[in-house]
Amino acid sequence: MFMVDELNPESMRKYRLYLNYSQDKIAELLGVNRVSYSRWENGAQTPESPKMLRLAFEALLNRKITAESKNLYEKTFRQQTDETSKILADIDQIQKMRVRGKNHIK
């Protein structure tokens, strides 16, 4: 689980960009208007509840990290399945060739 140690204007921007969200989108997800969020990210204003904001960022970041991990796992599994299928097809072809009495491999 990813933990946000410090939430400051610079880290807010960094996390928002990592999440690939606009200020409008992140403000909507956090339940605030874009102007308020923009002020927080620019350091012009401090959020009333920094702990809640930090928890919200943690939840969003963990959701993205979980989704990325799942996608990576599925991609790796598909690649391994494809490679296994190719190997099994090659073995099957070799066995068929041996049954036919052929002693060479293409």
N, C-alpha and C. Protein backbone atom coordinates (compact mmCIF):
# COMPACT_ATOMS: atom_id res chain seq x y z
N MET A 1 0.84 -1.17 0.00
CA MET A 1 0.00 0.00 0.00
C MET A 1 0.89 1.24 0.00
N PHE A 2 0.59 2.14 -0.89
CA PHE A 2 1.36 3.37 -1.02
C PHE A 2 0.90 4.37 0.03
N MET A 3 1.85 4.99 0.71
CA MET A 3 1.54 5.99 1.73
C MET A 3 2.11 7.34 1.30
N VAL A 4 1.31 8.38 1.43
CA VAL A 4 1.76 9.74 1.14
C VAL A 4 2.36 10.29 2.43
N ASP A 5 3.69 10.45 2.45
CA ASP A 5 4.37 10.93 3.65
C ASP A 5 4.13 12.42 3.87
N GLU A 6 4.27 13.16 2.81
CA GLU A 6 4.14 14.61 2.92
C GLU A 6 3.32 15.11 1.74
N LEU A 7 2.39 15.98 2.04
CA LEU A 7 1.57 16.55 0.98
C LEU A 7 1.80 18.05 0.97
N ASN A 8 2.46 18.52 -0.06
CA ASN A 8 2.71 19.93 -0.23
C ASN A 8 2.36 20.28 -1.67
N PRO A 9 2.38 21.55 -2.03
CA PRO A 9 1.99 21.91 -3.41
C PRO A 9 2.76 21.13 -4.48
N GLU A 10 4.06 20.96 -4.29
CA GLU A 10 4.87 20.26 -5.29
C GLU A 10 4.46 18.78 -5.41
N SER A 11 4.26 18.12 -4.25
CA SER A 11 3.88 16.70 -4.29
C SER A 11 2.46 16.54 -4.82
N MET A 12 1.57 17.49 -4.51
CA MET A 12 0.21 17.41 -5.04
C MET A 12 0.24 17.43 -6.56
N ARG A 13 1.04 18.31 -7.12
CA ARG A 13 1.16 18.40 -8.58
C ARG A 13 1.75 17.12 -9.15
N LYS A 14 2.80 16.63 -8.49
CA LYS A 14 3.46 15.40 -8.94
C LYS A 14 2.48 14.22 -8.94
N TYR A 15 1.74 14.06 -7.85
CA TYR A 15 0.77 12.96 -7.77
C TYR A 15 -0.34 13.12 -8.80
N ARG A 16 -0.81 14.34 -8.98
CA ARG A 16 -1.89 14.59 -9.96
C ARG A 16 -1.42 14.22 -11.36
N LEU A 17 -0.19 14.62 -11.70
CA LEU A 17 0.34 14.30 -13.02
C LEU A 17 0.57 12.80 -13.18
N TYR A 18 1.03 12.13 -12.13
CA TYR A 18 1.20 10.68 -12.17
C TYR A 18 -0.15 10.00 -12.43
N LEU A 19 -1.19 10.52 -11.79
CA LEU A 19 -2.53 9.97 -11.98
C LEU A 19 -3.11 10.31 -13.36
N ASN A 20 -2.43 11.24 -14.04
CA ASN A 20 -2.86 11.69 -15.37
C ASN A 20 -4.23 12.39 -15.31
N TYR A 21 -4.42 13.21 -14.28
CA TYR A 21 -5.66 13.96 -14.10
C TYR A 21 -5.41 15.44 -14.30
N SER A 22 -6.41 16.10 -14.82
CA SER A 22 -6.38 17.56 -14.88
C SER A 22 -6.74 18.09 -13.49
N GLN A 23 -6.54 19.38 -13.29
CA GLN A 23 -6.96 19.97 -12.01
C GLN A 23 -8.48 19.85 -11.86
N ASP A 24 -9.21 19.99 -12.95
CA ASP A 24 -10.68 19.83 -12.90
C ASP A 24 -11.06 18.44 -12.40
N LYS A 25 -10.43 17.42 -12.97
CA LYS A 25 -10.77 16.04 -12.62
C LYS A 25 -10.41 15.72 -11.18
N ILE A 26 -9.21 16.11 -10.75
CA ILE A 26 -8.81 15.80 -9.37
C ILE A 26 -9.69 16.56 -8.39
N ALA A 27 -10.05 17.80 -8.72
CA ALA A 27 -10.94 18.57 -7.85
C ALA A 27 -12.30 17.88 -7.73
N GLU A 28 -12.81 17.38 -8.85
CA GLU A 28 -14.09 16.67 -8.85
C GLU A 28 -14.02 15.43 -7.97
N LEU A 29 -12.94 14.66 -8.11
CA LEU A 29 -12.78 13.45 -7.31
C LEU A 29 -12.63 13.74 -5.82
N LEU A 30 -12.02 14.89 -5.51
CA LEU A 30 -11.83 15.27 -4.11
C LEU A 30 -13.04 15.99 -3.53
N GLY A 31 -13.98 16.34 -4.40
CA GLY A 31 -15.20 17.01 -3.94
C GLY A 31 -15.02 18.48 -3.64
N VAL A 32 -14.12 19.13 -4.37
CA VAL A 32 -13.90 20.57 -4.21
C VAL A 32 -13.96 21.22 -5.58
N ASN A 33 -14.04 22.55 -5.59
CA ASN A 33 -14.04 23.20 -6.91
C ASN A 33 -12.59 23.36 -7.40
N ARG A 34 -12.44 23.53 -8.71
CA ARG A 34 -11.12 23.58 -9.32
C ARG A 34 -10.29 24.75 -8.80
N VAL A 35 -10.93 25.88 -8.54
CA VAL A 35 -10.20 27.06 -8.06
C VAL A 35 -9.55 26.76 -6.71
N SER A 36 -10.30 26.12 -5.81
CA SER A 36 -9.72 25.76 -4.50
C SER A 36 -8.55 24.82 -4.67
N TYR A 37 -8.74 23.80 -5.50
CA TYR A 37 -7.65 22.84 -5.70
C TYR A 37 -6.43 23.54 -6.30
N SER A 38 -6.67 24.38 -7.28
CA SER A 38 -5.58 25.10 -7.93
C SER A 38 -4.81 25.94 -6.92
N ARG A 39 -5.52 26.58 -6.01
CA ARG A 39 -4.85 27.38 -4.97
C ARG A 39 -4.00 26.51 -4.06
N TRP A 40 -4.50 25.31 -3.73
CA TRP A 40 -3.72 24.40 -2.89
C TRP A 40 -2.46 23.98 -3.62
N GLU A 41 -2.62 23.59 -4.91
CA GLU A 41 -1.48 23.10 -5.67
C GLU A 41 -0.45 24.20 -5.93
N ASN A 42 -0.89 25.43 -6.03
CA ASN A 42 0.01 26.56 -6.25
C ASN A 42 0.57 27.13 -4.95
N GLY A 43 0.10 26.63 -3.81
CA GLY A 43 0.60 27.09 -2.53
C GLY A 43 -0.01 28.40 -2.06
N ALA A 44 -1.03 28.88 -2.77
CA ALA A 44 -1.66 30.14 -2.39
C ALA A 44 -2.63 29.97 -1.22
N GLN A 45 -3.04 28.74 -0.97
CA GLN A 45 -4.00 28.47 0.10
C GLN A 45 -3.71 27.08 0.64
N THR A 46 -4.03 26.87 1.91
CA THR A 46 -3.85 25.56 2.53
C THR A 46 -5.21 24.90 2.72
N PRO A 47 -5.31 23.62 2.41
CA PRO A 47 -6.59 22.92 2.60
C PRO A 47 -7.01 22.94 4.07
N GLU A 48 -8.32 22.97 4.31
CA GLU A 48 -8.81 22.96 5.68
C GLU A 48 -8.49 21.66 6.39
N SER A 49 -8.51 20.56 5.65
CA SER A 49 -8.24 19.26 6.24
C SER A 49 -7.14 18.53 5.47
N PRO A 50 -5.89 18.89 5.75
CA PRO A 50 -4.78 18.26 5.01
C PRO A 50 -4.73 16.74 5.17
N LYS A 51 -5.12 16.23 6.35
CA LYS A 51 -5.09 14.78 6.55
C LYS A 51 -6.09 14.08 5.63
N MET A 52 -7.27 14.65 5.48
CA MET A 52 -8.28 14.05 4.60
C MET A 52 -7.80 14.12 3.15
N LEU A 53 -7.19 15.21 2.78
CA LEU A 53 -6.67 15.36 1.42
C LEU A 53 -5.57 14.33 1.17
N ARG A 54 -4.70 14.14 2.14
CA ARG A 54 -3.63 13.14 2.02
C ARG A 54 -4.22 11.74 1.85
N LEU A 55 -5.24 11.42 2.64
CA LEU A 55 -5.89 10.11 2.54
C LEU A 55 -6.55 9.93 1.17
N ALA A 56 -7.16 10.98 0.67
CA ALA A 56 -7.80 10.91 -0.65
C ALA A 56 -6.75 10.65 -1.73
N PHE A 57 -5.61 11.34 -1.65
CA PHE A 57 -4.53 11.10 -2.62
C PHE A 57 -4.02 9.66 -2.49
N GLU A 58 -3.87 9.18 -1.26
CA GLU A 58 -3.42 7.80 -1.07
C GLU A 58 -4.38 6.82 -1.73
N ALA A 59 -5.67 7.03 -1.54
CA ALA A 59 -6.67 6.14 -2.14
C ALA A 59 -6.58 6.16 -3.67
N LEU A 60 -6.48 7.35 -4.24
CA LEU A 60 -6.38 7.47 -5.70
C LEU A 60 -5.11 6.82 -6.23
N LEU A 61 -4.00 7.06 -5.55
CA LEU A 61 -2.72 6.49 -5.98
C LEU A 61 -2.72 4.97 -5.85
N ASN A 62 -3.26 4.46 -4.75
CA ASN A 62 -3.31 3.01 -4.56
C ASN A 62 -4.21 2.34 -5.59
N ARG A 63 -5.30 3.00 -5.94
CA ARG A 63 -6.19 2.46 -6.97
C ARG A 63 -5.45 2.36 -8.31
N LYS A 64 -4.69 3.39 -8.65
CA LYS A 64 -3.94 3.38 -9.91
C LYS A 64 -2.84 2.32 -9.87
N ILE A 65 -2.11 2.25 -8.77
CA ILE A 65 -1.03 1.28 -8.65
C ILE A 65 -1.58 -0.14 -8.74
N THR A 66 -2.72 -0.39 -8.10
CA THR A 66 -3.35 -1.71 -8.16
C THR A 66 -3.75 -2.05 -9.59
N ALA A 67 -4.34 -1.09 -10.29
CA ALA A 67 -4.74 -1.32 -11.68
C ALA A 67 -3.53 -1.58 -12.56
N GLU A 68 -2.46 -0.82 -12.36
CA GLU A 68 -1.23 -1.03 -13.15
C GLU A 68 -0.63 -2.40 -12.86
N SER A 69 -0.64 -2.81 -11.60
CA SER A 69 -0.10 -4.13 -11.23
C SER A 69 -0.92 -5.24 -11.87
N LYS A 70 -2.24 -5.08 -11.84
CA LYS A 70 -3.12 -6.07 -12.46
C LYS A 70 -2.86 -6.16 -13.95
N ASN A 71 -2.74 -5.01 -14.61
CA ASN A 71 -2.47 -5.01 -16.05
C ASN A 71 -1.14 -5.67 -16.37
N LEU A 72 -0.11 -5.40 -15.56
CA LEU A 72 1.19 -6.00 -15.77
C LEU A 72 1.13 -7.51 -15.58
N TYR A 73 0.43 -7.95 -14.55
CA TYR A 73 0.27 -9.39 -14.29
C TYR A 73 -0.44 -10.06 -15.47
N GLU A 74 -1.53 -9.45 -15.95
CA GLU A 74 -2.29 -10.04 -17.06
C GLU A 74 -1.45 -10.08 -18.33
N LYS A 75 -0.68 -9.03 -18.58
CA LYS A 75 0.18 -8.99 -19.77
C LYS A 75 1.24 -10.09 -19.68
N THR A 76 1.87 -10.23 -18.52
CA THR A 76 2.89 -11.25 -18.32
C THR A 76 2.28 -12.65 -18.47
N PHE A 77 1.10 -12.85 -17.92
CA PHE A 77 0.42 -14.15 -18.01
C PHE A 77 0.12 -14.48 -19.46
N ARG A 78 -0.39 -13.50 -20.24
CA ARG A 78 -0.68 -13.72 -21.65
C ARG A 78 0.58 -14.07 -22.43
N GLN A 79 1.68 -13.36 -22.14
CA GLN A 79 2.94 -13.65 -22.83
C GLN A 79 3.42 -15.06 -22.53
N GLN A 80 3.34 -15.44 -21.26
CA GLN A 80 3.78 -16.78 -20.87
C GLN A 80 2.89 -17.84 -21.50
N THR A 81 1.59 -17.58 -21.56
CA THR A 81 0.65 -18.52 -22.17
C THR A 81 0.95 -18.67 -23.66
N ASP A 82 1.22 -17.55 -24.34
CA ASP A 82 1.57 -17.59 -25.76
C ASP A 82 2.84 -18.38 -25.99
N GLU A 83 3.85 -18.14 -25.16
CA GLU A 83 5.12 -18.86 -25.31
C GLU A 83 4.93 -20.36 -25.04
N THR A 84 4.15 -20.69 -24.03
CA THR A 84 3.88 -22.09 -23.72
C THR A 84 3.14 -22.77 -24.87
N SER A 85 2.18 -22.06 -25.45
CA SER A 85 1.44 -22.62 -26.59
C SER A 85 2.36 -22.90 -27.76
N LYS A 86 3.29 -22.00 -28.03
CA LYS A 86 4.25 -22.20 -29.12
C LYS A 86 5.14 -23.41 -28.85
N ILE A 87 5.60 -23.53 -27.64
CA ILE A 87 6.46 -24.67 -27.27
C ILE A 87 5.69 -25.97 -27.41
N LEU A 88 4.46 -26.00 -26.93
CA LEU A 88 3.64 -27.21 -27.04
C LEU A 88 3.36 -27.56 -28.50
N ALA A 89 3.13 -26.55 -29.33
CA ALA A 89 2.92 -26.79 -30.76
C ALA A 89 4.18 -27.38 -31.40
N ASP A 90 5.34 -26.86 -31.01
CA ASP A 90 6.60 -27.40 -31.53
C ASP A 90 6.79 -28.84 -31.10
N ILE A 91 6.52 -29.15 -29.85
CA ILE A 91 6.65 -30.52 -29.34
C ILE A 91 5.70 -31.45 -30.08
N ASP A 92 4.48 -30.98 -30.30
CA ASP A 92 3.49 -31.78 -31.02
C ASP A 92 3.98 -32.08 -32.43
N GLN A 93 4.54 -31.09 -33.10
CA GLN A 93 5.05 -31.27 -34.46
C GLN A 93 6.20 -32.28 -34.48
N ILE A 94 7.09 -32.18 -33.50
CA ILE A 94 8.21 -33.11 -33.41
C ILE A 94 7.71 -34.53 -33.22
N GLN A 95 6.73 -34.70 -32.35
CA GLN A 95 6.18 -36.04 -32.10
C GLN A 95 5.52 -36.60 -33.36
N LYS A 96 4.79 -35.76 -34.09
CA LYS A 96 4.15 -36.22 -35.32
C LYS A 96 5.20 -36.63 -36.35
N MET A 97 6.29 -35.87 -36.43
CA MET A 97 7.34 -36.20 -37.37
C MET A 97 7.99 -37.53 -37.02
N ARG A 98 8.18 -37.78 -35.74
CA ARG A 98 8.80 -39.04 -35.31
C ARG A 98 7.88 -40.22 -35.60
N VAL A 99 6.58 -40.00 -35.39
CA VAL A 99 5.61 -41.06 -35.66
C VAL A 99 5.65 -41.42 -37.14
N ARG A 100 5.82 -40.45 -38.00
CA ARG A 100 5.87 -40.68 -39.45
C ARG A 100 7.20 -41.28 -39.89
N GLY A 101 8.11 -41.40 -38.94
CA GLY A 101 9.38 -42.00 -39.29
C GLY A 101 10.43 -41.02 -39.75
N LYS A 102 10.15 -39.74 -39.63
CA LYS A 102 11.12 -38.74 -40.03
C LYS A 102 12.08 -38.49 -38.87
N ASN A 103 13.32 -38.43 -39.15
CA ASN A 103 14.33 -38.23 -38.10
C ASN A 103 14.93 -36.83 -38.12
N HIS A 104 14.39 -35.93 -38.89
CA HIS A 104 14.94 -34.57 -38.90
C HIS A 104 13.91 -33.57 -38.37
N ILE A 105 14.42 -32.48 -37.92
CA ILE A 105 13.58 -31.41 -37.37
C ILE A 105 13.71 -30.21 -38.27
N LYS A 106 12.60 -29.63 -38.64
CA LYS A 106 12.62 -28.45 -39.51
C LYS A 106 13.09 -27.24 -38.76
